[in-house]
Amino acid sequence: MDRSLLLSACYFGTVEHYALMARSTRVVIDAGEHYERQSYRNRTTLIGPNGKQDLVASIIRQSGVKMPMHTVDLCYTEPWHLQHLQAIRSAYGQTPWFIHYMPDIEQLLLERHATLLGLDLASIRLALKWLGLSLELEASTAYVEDATQLTDLRTGLHPKKPLPAGVRPVPAYDQVFADRHGFAGRLSIVDLVMNAGPDALRILQAGR
């Protein structure tokens, strides 16, 4: 069975991203494809006391120009990275695993990565470390045209689209604000580890 996965870059990524990675031995991030607004490339979704919240990393836009992902720079004119830290603290400060994972997130965001790709790859590597997943992660700066040897989900995993055929949603797990909002699926991997801690990988694998 082919266990090599082709994905778009993502900022942390959803629980479904990591359920797929947990079944893979190799993941290729296509950094040659064009940046797309309102995608996972620069956003991740949490659920806090007031419901779902998208955290969006600000980029330096080039009007009318298609930008390959590996050329996209981050913009810190507004302190979005500090806003993200505050949002994560508000959402998960009462979870049992907050003190375990929050220092890693603070270190990641306070580093102020220069490029979106750098931030995305660092966030993915951090999540893989949390989950204890050992796989080959590589970024291709050239657009991957021949994906015949890969499971290509570049266009399939998108916040505005249903999950692609064959990709199962991650099973429900305990969430800190479930009493207010019910269970919310397809959230950031940050939500799962904050709520489930070391049990996160088992939950991801349960949806196989």
N, C-alpha and C. Protein backbone atom coordinates (compact mmCIF):
# COMPACT_ATOMS: atom_id res chain seq x y z
N MET A 1 0.85 -1.19 0.00
CA MET A 1 0.00 0.00 0.00
C MET A 1 0.88 1.24 0.00
N ASP A 2 0.48 2.22 -0.82
CA ASP A 2 1.22 3.47 -0.88
C ASP A 2 1.03 4.24 0.42
N ARG A 3 2.13 4.57 1.08
CA ARG A 3 2.04 5.28 2.35
C ARG A 3 2.73 6.62 2.29
N SER A 4 2.83 7.18 1.06
CA SER A 4 3.40 8.50 0.87
C SER A 4 2.28 9.48 0.57
N LEU A 5 2.28 10.60 1.28
CA LEU A 5 1.19 11.56 1.25
C LEU A 5 1.67 12.88 0.68
N LEU A 6 0.87 13.50 -0.19
CA LEU A 6 1.18 14.82 -0.75
C LEU A 6 0.14 15.81 -0.25
N LEU A 7 0.62 16.84 0.46
CA LEU A 7 -0.26 17.83 1.07
C LEU A 7 0.17 19.25 0.73
N SER A 8 -0.79 20.17 0.83
CA SER A 8 -0.45 21.59 0.85
C SER A 8 0.13 21.93 2.22
N ALA A 9 0.90 23.01 2.28
CA ALA A 9 1.39 23.48 3.57
C ALA A 9 0.21 23.88 4.44
N CYS A 10 0.36 23.76 5.75
CA CYS A 10 -0.71 24.15 6.66
C CYS A 10 -0.11 24.70 7.95
N TYR A 11 -0.82 25.63 8.55
CA TYR A 11 -0.45 26.22 9.83
C TYR A 11 -1.02 25.32 10.92
N PHE A 12 -0.20 24.53 11.53
CA PHE A 12 -0.54 23.46 12.46
C PHE A 12 -1.29 22.33 11.75
N GLY A 13 -2.37 22.63 11.04
CA GLY A 13 -3.14 21.57 10.38
C GLY A 13 -4.24 21.03 11.27
N THR A 14 -5.20 20.37 10.63
CA THR A 14 -6.35 19.84 11.36
C THR A 14 -6.05 18.44 11.91
N VAL A 15 -6.96 17.98 12.74
CA VAL A 15 -6.81 16.61 13.25
C VAL A 15 -6.83 15.60 12.11
N GLU A 16 -7.59 15.89 11.05
CA GLU A 16 -7.62 14.96 9.91
C GLU A 16 -6.27 14.91 9.19
N HIS A 17 -5.58 16.03 9.11
CA HIS A 17 -4.22 16.00 8.54
C HIS A 17 -3.36 14.95 9.26
N TYR A 18 -3.45 14.94 10.59
CA TYR A 18 -2.56 14.07 11.37
C TYR A 18 -3.06 12.64 11.44
N ALA A 19 -4.37 12.43 11.30
CA ALA A 19 -4.87 11.07 11.18
C ALA A 19 -4.31 10.43 9.91
N LEU A 20 -4.22 11.22 8.85
CA LEU A 20 -3.63 10.72 7.60
C LEU A 20 -2.13 10.52 7.75
N MET A 21 -1.45 11.45 8.41
CA MET A 21 -0.01 11.30 8.61
C MET A 21 0.31 10.09 9.46
N ALA A 22 -0.57 9.76 10.40
CA ALA A 22 -0.34 8.61 11.29
C ALA A 22 -0.34 7.31 10.51
N ARG A 23 -0.91 7.31 9.30
CA ARG A 23 -0.93 6.11 8.46
C ARG A 23 0.14 6.15 7.39
N SER A 24 0.99 7.17 7.43
CA SER A 24 1.97 7.38 6.36
C SER A 24 3.39 7.23 6.90
N THR A 25 4.29 6.94 6.00
CA THR A 25 5.71 6.90 6.35
C THR A 25 6.46 8.11 5.78
N ARG A 26 5.82 8.79 4.82
CA ARG A 26 6.47 9.92 4.15
C ARG A 26 5.40 10.95 3.79
N VAL A 27 5.70 12.22 4.07
CA VAL A 27 4.78 13.31 3.73
C VAL A 27 5.56 14.36 2.93
N VAL A 28 5.04 14.69 1.77
CA VAL A 28 5.63 15.73 0.92
C VAL A 28 4.72 16.95 0.98
N ILE A 29 5.28 18.09 1.34
CA ILE A 29 4.56 19.36 1.35
C ILE A 29 4.90 20.10 0.06
N ASP A 30 3.88 20.41 -0.73
CA ASP A 30 4.11 21.09 -2.00
C ASP A 30 4.25 22.59 -1.74
N ALA A 31 5.49 23.05 -1.69
CA ALA A 31 5.76 24.47 -1.46
C ALA A 31 5.90 25.24 -2.77
N GLY A 32 5.67 24.55 -3.89
CA GLY A 32 5.73 25.21 -5.18
C GLY A 32 4.36 25.64 -5.68
N GLU A 33 3.30 25.13 -5.05
CA GLU A 33 1.96 25.54 -5.46
C GLU A 33 1.69 26.96 -4.99
N HIS A 34 0.72 27.62 -5.61
CA HIS A 34 0.43 29.01 -5.29
C HIS A 34 -0.30 29.14 -3.95
N TYR A 35 0.02 30.22 -3.25
CA TYR A 35 -0.71 30.56 -2.03
C TYR A 35 -2.18 30.77 -2.36
N GLU A 36 -3.05 30.29 -1.50
CA GLU A 36 -4.49 30.44 -1.68
C GLU A 36 -5.11 31.00 -0.41
N ARG A 37 -5.88 32.06 -0.56
CA ARG A 37 -6.55 32.66 0.59
C ARG A 37 -7.60 31.71 1.16
N GLN A 38 -7.92 31.92 2.44
CA GLN A 38 -8.97 31.17 3.14
C GLN A 38 -8.74 29.66 3.06
N SER A 39 -7.48 29.28 3.13
CA SER A 39 -7.12 27.86 3.16
C SER A 39 -6.35 27.60 4.46
N TYR A 40 -5.98 26.34 4.65
CA TYR A 40 -5.22 25.99 5.85
C TYR A 40 -3.78 26.48 5.80
N ARG A 41 -3.37 27.04 4.67
CA ARG A 41 -1.97 27.45 4.54
C ARG A 41 -1.56 28.47 5.58
N ASN A 42 -2.48 29.35 5.96
CA ASN A 42 -2.12 30.35 6.97
C ASN A 42 -3.18 30.48 8.07
N ARG A 43 -3.98 29.42 8.26
CA ARG A 43 -4.99 29.50 9.33
C ARG A 43 -5.15 28.16 10.04
N THR A 44 -5.56 28.28 11.29
CA THR A 44 -5.90 27.11 12.09
C THR A 44 -7.10 27.48 12.93
N THR A 45 -7.95 26.52 13.24
CA THR A 45 -9.22 26.80 13.91
C THR A 45 -9.29 26.15 15.28
N LEU A 46 -9.64 26.98 16.28
CA LEU A 46 -9.81 26.54 17.66
C LEU A 46 -11.27 26.65 18.04
N ILE A 47 -11.61 26.16 19.22
CA ILE A 47 -12.91 26.47 19.80
C ILE A 47 -12.68 26.96 21.21
N GLY A 48 -13.22 28.14 21.49
CA GLY A 48 -13.03 28.75 22.79
C GLY A 48 -14.36 29.01 23.47
N PRO A 49 -14.39 29.85 24.47
CA PRO A 49 -15.63 30.10 25.22
C PRO A 49 -16.75 30.66 24.36
N ASN A 50 -16.41 31.37 23.27
CA ASN A 50 -17.43 31.97 22.41
C ASN A 50 -17.64 31.20 21.11
N GLY A 51 -17.08 30.00 21.01
CA GLY A 51 -17.26 29.19 19.80
C GLY A 51 -16.00 29.11 18.96
N LYS A 52 -16.18 28.72 17.70
CA LYS A 52 -15.03 28.54 16.81
C LYS A 52 -14.34 29.87 16.53
N GLN A 53 -13.02 29.80 16.38
CA GLN A 53 -12.22 30.99 16.10
C GLN A 53 -11.10 30.61 15.15
N ASP A 54 -11.01 31.31 14.03
CA ASP A 54 -9.92 31.11 13.08
C ASP A 54 -8.75 32.00 13.46
N LEU A 55 -7.58 31.39 13.59
CA LEU A 55 -6.34 32.15 13.81
C LEU A 55 -5.62 32.23 12.46
N VAL A 56 -5.42 33.45 11.98
CA VAL A 56 -4.89 33.66 10.63
C VAL A 56 -3.55 34.38 10.73
N ALA A 57 -2.51 33.79 10.16
CA ALA A 57 -1.20 34.43 10.10
C ALA A 57 -1.19 35.43 8.96
N SER A 58 -0.74 36.64 9.24
CA SER A 58 -0.74 37.71 8.23
C SER A 58 0.47 37.56 7.31
N ILE A 59 0.21 37.78 6.03
CA ILE A 59 1.29 37.69 5.04
C ILE A 59 1.46 39.02 4.32
N ILE A 60 2.60 39.17 3.66
CA ILE A 60 2.84 40.33 2.80
C ILE A 60 2.30 40.01 1.42
N ARG A 61 1.22 40.68 1.06
CA ARG A 61 0.53 40.38 -0.19
C ARG A 61 1.15 41.14 -1.36
N GLN A 62 1.16 40.49 -2.49
CA GLN A 62 1.58 41.11 -3.74
C GLN A 62 0.36 41.13 -4.66
N SER A 63 -0.27 42.28 -4.76
CA SER A 63 -1.55 42.39 -5.47
C SER A 63 -1.44 41.92 -6.91
N GLY A 64 -2.34 41.00 -7.27
CA GLY A 64 -2.41 40.52 -8.64
C GLY A 64 -1.32 39.55 -9.04
N VAL A 65 -0.47 39.16 -8.09
CA VAL A 65 0.65 38.27 -8.39
C VAL A 65 0.39 36.92 -7.73
N LYS A 66 0.54 35.84 -8.51
CA LYS A 66 0.45 34.51 -7.93
C LYS A 66 1.76 34.18 -7.23
N MET A 67 1.67 33.83 -5.97
CA MET A 67 2.87 33.63 -5.17
C MET A 67 3.06 32.16 -4.83
N PRO A 68 4.13 31.53 -5.31
CA PRO A 68 4.44 30.18 -4.83
C PRO A 68 4.61 30.20 -3.32
N MET A 69 4.16 29.17 -2.66
CA MET A 69 4.17 29.15 -1.20
C MET A 69 5.54 29.44 -0.61
N HIS A 70 6.59 28.95 -1.25
CA HIS A 70 7.91 29.14 -0.64
C HIS A 70 8.42 30.57 -0.75
N THR A 71 7.67 31.44 -1.43
CA THR A 71 8.07 32.85 -1.56
C THR A 71 7.25 33.79 -0.68
N VAL A 72 6.29 33.26 0.06
CA VAL A 72 5.36 34.09 0.83
C VAL A 72 5.99 34.49 2.17
N ASP A 73 6.12 35.80 2.38
CA ASP A 73 6.68 36.31 3.63
C ASP A 73 5.57 36.66 4.62
N LEU A 74 5.88 36.54 5.89
CA LEU A 74 4.94 36.92 6.95
C LEU A 74 5.05 38.41 7.25
N CYS A 75 3.95 38.99 7.70
CA CYS A 75 3.90 40.42 8.03
C CYS A 75 3.59 40.57 9.51
N TYR A 76 4.40 41.36 10.21
CA TYR A 76 4.21 41.56 11.64
C TYR A 76 3.83 42.99 11.98
N THR A 77 3.27 43.73 11.00
CA THR A 77 2.82 45.09 11.26
C THR A 77 1.79 45.09 12.38
N GLU A 78 0.88 44.11 12.33
CA GLU A 78 -0.03 43.85 13.44
C GLU A 78 0.48 42.61 14.18
N PRO A 79 0.44 42.62 15.49
CA PRO A 79 1.04 41.49 16.26
C PRO A 79 0.12 40.27 16.29
N TRP A 80 -0.15 39.70 15.12
CA TRP A 80 -1.06 38.55 15.04
C TRP A 80 -0.56 37.38 15.87
N HIS A 81 0.78 37.22 15.92
CA HIS A 81 1.33 36.09 16.66
C HIS A 81 1.02 36.19 18.15
N LEU A 82 1.03 37.41 18.69
CA LEU A 82 0.67 37.60 20.09
C LEU A 82 -0.82 37.39 20.30
N GLN A 83 -1.62 37.81 19.32
CA GLN A 83 -3.06 37.58 19.39
C GLN A 83 -3.38 36.09 19.37
N HIS A 84 -2.62 35.32 18.59
CA HIS A 84 -2.82 33.88 18.55
C HIS A 84 -2.49 33.26 19.90
N LEU A 85 -1.42 33.71 20.51
CA LEU A 85 -1.06 33.17 21.82
C LEU A 85 -2.15 33.46 22.85
N GLN A 86 -2.69 34.67 22.81
CA GLN A 86 -3.75 35.01 23.76
C GLN A 86 -5.01 34.18 23.51
N ALA A 87 -5.33 33.97 22.24
CA ALA A 87 -6.51 33.16 21.91
C ALA A 87 -6.34 31.72 22.40
N ILE A 88 -5.14 31.17 22.24
CA ILE A 88 -4.88 29.80 22.69
C ILE A 88 -4.96 29.72 24.22
N ARG A 89 -4.43 30.74 24.89
CA ARG A 89 -4.52 30.75 26.36
C ARG A 89 -5.98 30.81 26.82
N SER A 90 -6.78 31.63 26.15
CA SER A 90 -8.19 31.76 26.53
C SER A 90 -8.96 30.47 26.27
N ALA A 91 -8.63 29.80 25.16
CA ALA A 91 -9.35 28.59 24.78
C ALA A 91 -8.97 27.40 25.64
N TYR A 92 -7.69 27.28 26.01
CA TYR A 92 -7.21 26.03 26.59
C TYR A 92 -6.53 26.18 27.95
N GLY A 93 -6.58 27.37 28.52
CA GLY A 93 -5.91 27.59 29.80
C GLY A 93 -6.41 26.70 30.93
N GLN A 94 -7.65 26.20 30.78
CA GLN A 94 -8.22 25.35 31.83
C GLN A 94 -8.11 23.86 31.51
N THR A 95 -7.48 23.52 30.39
CA THR A 95 -7.34 22.10 30.05
C THR A 95 -6.17 21.49 30.83
N PRO A 96 -6.23 20.20 31.08
CA PRO A 96 -5.19 19.57 31.90
C PRO A 96 -3.80 19.57 31.26
N TRP A 97 -3.74 19.69 29.93
CA TRP A 97 -2.46 19.57 29.25
C TRP A 97 -1.89 20.92 28.80
N PHE A 98 -2.55 22.00 29.17
CA PHE A 98 -2.12 23.33 28.75
C PHE A 98 -0.67 23.61 29.13
N ILE A 99 -0.31 23.35 30.37
CA ILE A 99 1.04 23.70 30.82
C ILE A 99 2.10 22.83 30.16
N HIS A 100 1.69 21.70 29.60
CA HIS A 100 2.64 20.81 28.94
C HIS A 100 2.97 21.29 27.54
N TYR A 101 1.95 21.77 26.80
CA TYR A 101 2.15 22.11 25.38
C TYR A 101 2.34 23.61 25.12
N MET A 102 1.85 24.46 26.02
CA MET A 102 1.88 25.89 25.74
C MET A 102 3.30 26.45 25.59
N PRO A 103 4.28 26.02 26.38
CA PRO A 103 5.63 26.57 26.17
C PRO A 103 6.16 26.32 24.76
N ASP A 104 5.85 25.17 24.18
CA ASP A 104 6.29 24.90 22.80
C ASP A 104 5.65 25.87 21.82
N ILE A 105 4.36 26.15 22.02
CA ILE A 105 3.65 27.06 21.11
C ILE A 105 4.20 28.48 21.27
N GLU A 106 4.46 28.88 22.50
CA GLU A 106 5.04 30.20 22.72
C GLU A 106 6.39 30.33 22.03
N GLN A 107 7.23 29.32 22.16
CA GLN A 107 8.53 29.36 21.51
C GLN A 107 8.39 29.46 20.00
N LEU A 108 7.46 28.69 19.44
CA LEU A 108 7.24 28.70 18.00
C LEU A 108 6.83 30.08 17.51
N LEU A 109 5.85 30.69 18.15
CA LEU A 109 5.31 31.94 17.64
C LEU A 109 6.18 33.15 17.98
N LEU A 110 6.86 33.11 19.10
CA LEU A 110 7.72 34.23 19.46
C LEU A 110 9.01 34.25 18.65
N GLU A 111 9.27 33.17 17.95
CA GLU A 111 10.45 33.13 17.06
C GLU A 111 10.28 34.07 15.87
N ARG A 112 9.04 34.41 15.53
CA ARG A 112 8.74 35.32 14.41
C ARG A 112 9.40 34.83 13.12
N HIS A 113 8.93 33.72 12.62
CA HIS A 113 9.43 33.18 11.36
C HIS A 113 9.28 34.21 10.25
N ALA A 114 10.23 34.25 9.36
CA ALA A 114 10.20 35.23 8.26
C ALA A 114 9.21 34.83 7.18
N THR A 115 9.08 33.53 6.94
CA THR A 115 8.24 33.06 5.83
C THR A 115 7.08 32.22 6.34
N LEU A 116 6.01 32.20 5.58
CA LEU A 116 4.86 31.36 5.93
C LEU A 116 5.25 29.89 5.89
N LEU A 117 6.01 29.49 4.89
CA LEU A 117 6.42 28.10 4.80
C LEU A 117 7.25 27.69 6.02
N GLY A 118 8.12 28.57 6.46
CA GLY A 118 8.91 28.27 7.65
C GLY A 118 8.05 28.05 8.88
N LEU A 119 7.04 28.90 9.04
CA LEU A 119 6.10 28.74 10.15
C LEU A 119 5.32 27.45 10.03
N ASP A 120 4.81 27.18 8.82
CA ASP A 120 4.01 25.98 8.61
C ASP A 120 4.81 24.71 8.91
N LEU A 121 6.00 24.62 8.36
CA LEU A 121 6.80 23.42 8.57
C LEU A 121 7.18 23.25 10.05
N ALA A 122 7.50 24.36 10.70
CA ALA A 122 7.85 24.29 12.13
C ALA A 122 6.65 23.84 12.95
N SER A 123 5.46 24.31 12.61
CA SER A 123 4.26 23.91 13.36
C SER A 123 3.93 22.44 13.12
N ILE A 124 4.12 21.96 11.90
CA ILE A 124 3.88 20.54 11.61
C ILE A 124 4.87 19.67 12.37
N ARG A 125 6.14 20.04 12.33
CA ARG A 125 7.16 19.25 13.04
C ARG A 125 6.87 19.23 14.54
N LEU A 126 6.40 20.35 15.08
CA LEU A 126 6.07 20.40 16.50
C LEU A 126 4.93 19.44 16.82
N ALA A 127 3.90 19.45 16.00
CA ALA A 127 2.77 18.55 16.23
C ALA A 127 3.18 17.09 16.10
N LEU A 128 4.03 16.79 15.13
CA LEU A 128 4.52 15.41 14.99
C LEU A 128 5.30 14.99 16.24
N LYS A 129 6.06 15.91 16.81
CA LYS A 129 6.80 15.61 18.05
C LYS A 129 5.82 15.33 19.19
N TRP A 130 4.79 16.16 19.31
CA TRP A 130 3.79 15.93 20.35
C TRP A 130 3.17 14.55 20.24
N LEU A 131 2.89 14.13 19.01
CA LEU A 131 2.20 12.86 18.78
C LEU A 131 3.15 11.66 18.81
N GLY A 132 4.44 11.91 18.80
CA GLY A 132 5.41 10.82 18.77
C GLY A 132 5.45 10.12 17.43
N LEU A 133 5.13 10.85 16.35
CA LEU A 133 5.14 10.26 15.01
C LEU A 133 6.49 10.46 14.34
N SER A 134 7.08 9.38 13.89
CA SER A 134 8.35 9.45 13.16
C SER A 134 8.07 9.15 11.70
N LEU A 135 8.16 10.16 10.88
CA LEU A 135 7.98 9.96 9.44
C LEU A 135 8.88 10.93 8.70
N GLU A 136 9.03 10.68 7.43
CA GLU A 136 9.86 11.54 6.59
C GLU A 136 9.02 12.71 6.11
N LEU A 137 9.41 13.93 6.49
CA LEU A 137 8.70 15.14 6.08
C LEU A 137 9.62 15.96 5.19
N GLU A 138 9.15 16.24 3.99
CA GLU A 138 9.97 17.04 3.07
C GLU A 138 9.11 18.07 2.37
N ALA A 139 9.73 19.17 1.97
CA ALA A 139 9.05 20.23 1.23
C ALA A 139 9.66 20.33 -0.16
N SER A 140 8.80 20.37 -1.17
CA SER A 140 9.24 20.51 -2.55
C SER A 140 9.00 21.95 -2.99
N THR A 141 10.07 22.68 -3.30
CA THR A 141 9.90 24.06 -3.76
C THR A 141 9.43 24.13 -5.21
N ALA A 142 9.54 23.03 -5.92
CA ALA A 142 8.98 22.95 -7.28
C ALA A 142 7.60 22.32 -7.18
N TYR A 143 6.65 22.84 -7.95
CA TYR A 143 5.30 22.29 -7.95
C TYR A 143 5.35 20.81 -8.33
N VAL A 144 4.68 19.97 -7.57
CA VAL A 144 4.70 18.53 -7.81
C VAL A 144 3.66 18.22 -8.89
N GLU A 145 4.13 17.97 -10.11
CA GLU A 145 3.23 17.67 -11.22
C GLU A 145 2.90 16.18 -11.30
N ASP A 146 3.89 15.35 -11.06
CA ASP A 146 3.67 13.91 -11.13
C ASP A 146 3.47 13.37 -9.72
N ALA A 147 2.20 13.13 -9.39
CA ALA A 147 1.88 12.63 -8.05
C ALA A 147 1.40 11.18 -8.10
N THR A 148 1.80 10.46 -9.13
CA THR A 148 1.29 9.10 -9.31
C THR A 148 1.74 8.16 -8.19
N GLN A 149 2.85 8.46 -7.54
CA GLN A 149 3.34 7.60 -6.47
C GLN A 149 2.95 8.11 -5.09
N LEU A 150 2.05 9.11 -5.07
CA LEU A 150 1.66 9.75 -3.82
C LEU A 150 0.15 9.77 -3.69
N THR A 151 -0.34 9.78 -2.46
CA THR A 151 -1.75 10.04 -2.21
C THR A 151 -1.92 11.55 -2.16
N ASP A 152 -2.52 12.12 -3.20
CA ASP A 152 -2.56 13.57 -3.39
C ASP A 152 -3.83 14.16 -2.79
N LEU A 153 -3.67 14.89 -1.69
CA LEU A 153 -4.80 15.53 -1.03
C LEU A 153 -4.61 17.05 -0.96
N ARG A 154 -3.86 17.60 -1.90
CA ARG A 154 -3.59 19.04 -1.89
C ARG A 154 -4.87 19.86 -1.99
N THR A 155 -5.76 19.48 -2.88
CA THR A 155 -6.99 20.25 -3.03
C THR A 155 -8.13 19.69 -2.20
N GLY A 156 -7.97 18.49 -1.69
CA GLY A 156 -9.06 17.84 -0.97
C GLY A 156 -9.27 18.36 0.44
N LEU A 157 -8.19 18.67 1.14
CA LEU A 157 -8.30 19.15 2.52
C LEU A 157 -8.38 20.67 2.50
N HIS A 158 -9.57 21.20 2.68
CA HIS A 158 -9.80 22.64 2.57
C HIS A 158 -10.94 23.01 3.52
N PRO A 159 -10.80 24.13 4.25
CA PRO A 159 -11.84 24.48 5.23
C PRO A 159 -13.21 24.76 4.63
N LYS A 160 -13.25 25.07 3.34
CA LYS A 160 -14.53 25.40 2.70
C LYS A 160 -15.16 24.19 1.99
N LYS A 161 -14.50 23.03 2.07
CA LYS A 161 -14.98 21.84 1.37
C LYS A 161 -15.24 20.72 2.37
N PRO A 162 -16.17 19.79 2.03
CA PRO A 162 -16.30 18.58 2.84
C PRO A 162 -15.05 17.74 2.73
N LEU A 163 -14.88 16.83 3.67
CA LEU A 163 -13.73 15.93 3.60
C LEU A 163 -13.80 15.11 2.33
N PRO A 164 -12.66 14.85 1.69
CA PRO A 164 -12.67 14.04 0.47
C PRO A 164 -13.12 12.61 0.73
N ALA A 165 -13.60 11.97 -0.32
CA ALA A 165 -14.00 10.57 -0.21
C ALA A 165 -12.83 9.74 0.30
N GLY A 166 -13.12 8.87 1.23
CA GLY A 166 -12.06 8.01 1.77
C GLY A 166 -11.36 8.57 2.99
N VAL A 167 -11.60 9.86 3.31
CA VAL A 167 -10.99 10.47 4.50
C VAL A 167 -12.07 10.57 5.57
N ARG A 168 -11.91 9.81 6.63
CA ARG A 168 -12.91 9.78 7.69
C ARG A 168 -12.67 10.90 8.69
N PRO A 169 -13.75 11.48 9.23
CA PRO A 169 -13.55 12.46 10.30
C PRO A 169 -12.98 11.79 11.54
N VAL A 170 -12.19 12.51 12.27
CA VAL A 170 -11.65 11.99 13.53
C VAL A 170 -12.80 11.83 14.52
N PRO A 171 -12.86 10.71 15.26
CA PRO A 171 -13.96 10.50 16.22
C PRO A 171 -14.02 11.60 17.27
N ALA A 172 -15.21 11.78 17.83
CA ALA A 172 -15.39 12.79 18.87
C ALA A 172 -14.50 12.48 20.08
N TYR A 173 -14.00 13.52 20.70
CA TYR A 173 -13.19 13.41 21.92
C TYR A 173 -13.64 14.52 22.87
N ASP A 174 -13.24 14.43 24.12
CA ASP A 174 -13.64 15.43 25.11
C ASP A 174 -13.05 16.79 24.76
N GLN A 175 -13.89 17.81 24.78
CA GLN A 175 -13.44 19.18 24.55
C GLN A 175 -13.89 20.06 25.72
N VAL A 176 -13.08 21.02 26.06
CA VAL A 176 -13.30 21.77 27.29
C VAL A 176 -14.60 22.57 27.26
N PHE A 177 -15.06 23.01 26.08
CA PHE A 177 -16.29 23.80 26.01
C PHE A 177 -17.44 23.02 25.37
N ALA A 178 -17.38 21.70 25.43
CA ALA A 178 -18.43 20.88 24.83
C ALA A 178 -19.79 21.12 25.50
N ASP A 179 -19.77 21.49 26.77
CA ASP A 179 -21.05 21.74 27.45
C ASP A 179 -21.76 22.95 26.87
N ARG A 180 -21.01 23.87 26.26
CA ARG A 180 -21.61 25.07 25.66
C ARG A 180 -21.90 24.89 24.18
N HIS A 181 -20.98 24.24 23.47
CA HIS A 181 -21.05 24.23 22.01
C HIS A 181 -21.22 22.85 21.40
N GLY A 182 -21.23 21.80 22.22
CA GLY A 182 -21.23 20.46 21.68
C GLY A 182 -19.86 20.14 21.09
N PHE A 183 -19.73 18.95 20.53
CA PHE A 183 -18.45 18.59 19.94
C PHE A 183 -18.27 19.31 18.61
N ALA A 184 -17.08 19.86 18.39
CA ALA A 184 -16.73 20.52 17.12
C ALA A 184 -15.63 19.72 16.46
N GLY A 185 -15.86 19.28 15.24
CA GLY A 185 -14.87 18.51 14.52
C GLY A 185 -14.02 19.36 13.59
N ARG A 186 -13.03 18.71 13.00
CA ARG A 186 -12.14 19.32 12.00
C ARG A 186 -11.41 20.55 12.55
N LEU A 187 -11.04 20.49 13.81
CA LEU A 187 -10.31 21.60 14.42
C LEU A 187 -8.81 21.37 14.31
N SER A 188 -8.07 22.35 14.79
CA SER A 188 -6.62 22.29 14.82
C SER A 188 -6.12 21.13 15.67
N ILE A 189 -4.97 20.61 15.30
CA ILE A 189 -4.31 19.60 16.13
C ILE A 189 -4.05 20.15 17.53
N VAL A 190 -3.93 21.46 17.66
CA VAL A 190 -3.73 22.08 18.98
C VAL A 190 -4.90 21.74 19.90
N ASP A 191 -6.13 21.75 19.36
CA ASP A 191 -7.31 21.44 20.17
C ASP A 191 -7.22 20.02 20.72
N LEU A 192 -6.83 19.09 19.88
CA LEU A 192 -6.78 17.69 20.31
C LEU A 192 -5.73 17.47 21.39
N VAL A 193 -4.52 17.98 21.20
CA VAL A 193 -3.48 17.70 22.20
C VAL A 193 -3.77 18.42 23.51
N MET A 194 -4.34 19.62 23.44
CA MET A 194 -4.66 20.32 24.68
C MET A 194 -5.71 19.58 25.49
N ASN A 195 -6.66 18.96 24.80
CA ASN A 195 -7.74 18.25 25.49
C ASN A 195 -7.39 16.81 25.84
N ALA A 196 -6.63 16.15 24.98
CA ALA A 196 -6.39 14.71 25.15
C ALA A 196 -4.98 14.36 25.59
N GLY A 197 -4.03 15.26 25.44
CA GLY A 197 -2.66 14.97 25.86
C GLY A 197 -2.08 13.76 25.15
N PRO A 198 -1.42 12.86 25.87
CA PRO A 198 -0.78 11.69 25.25
C PRO A 198 -1.76 10.72 24.60
N ASP A 199 -3.06 10.88 24.86
CA ASP A 199 -4.05 10.00 24.25
C ASP A 199 -4.41 10.45 22.83
N ALA A 200 -3.82 11.56 22.39
CA ALA A 200 -4.19 12.14 21.08
C ALA A 200 -3.94 11.17 19.93
N LEU A 201 -2.81 10.49 19.93
CA LEU A 201 -2.50 9.59 18.82
C LEU A 201 -3.49 8.44 18.78
N ARG A 202 -3.86 7.89 19.91
CA ARG A 202 -4.84 6.80 19.92
C ARG A 202 -6.16 7.26 19.29
N ILE A 203 -6.57 8.49 19.59
CA ILE A 203 -7.82 9.02 19.04
C ILE A 203 -7.71 9.16 17.52
N LEU A 204 -6.58 9.65 17.06
CA LEU A 204 -6.37 9.79 15.61
C LEU A 204 -6.41 8.43 14.92
N GLN A 205 -5.83 7.44 15.56
CA GLN A 205 -5.78 6.11 14.95
C GLN A 205 -7.11 5.37 15.05
N ALA A 206 -8.00 5.81 15.94
CA ALA A 206 -9.28 5.13 16.13
C ALA A 206 -10.20 5.30 14.94
N GLY A 207 -9.95 6.33 14.12
CA GLY A 207 -10.81 6.57 12.97
C GLY A 207 -10.40 5.82 11.73
N ARG A 208 -9.43 4.92 11.82
CA ARG A 208 -8.96 4.19 10.65
C ARG A 208 -10.05 3.31 10.06
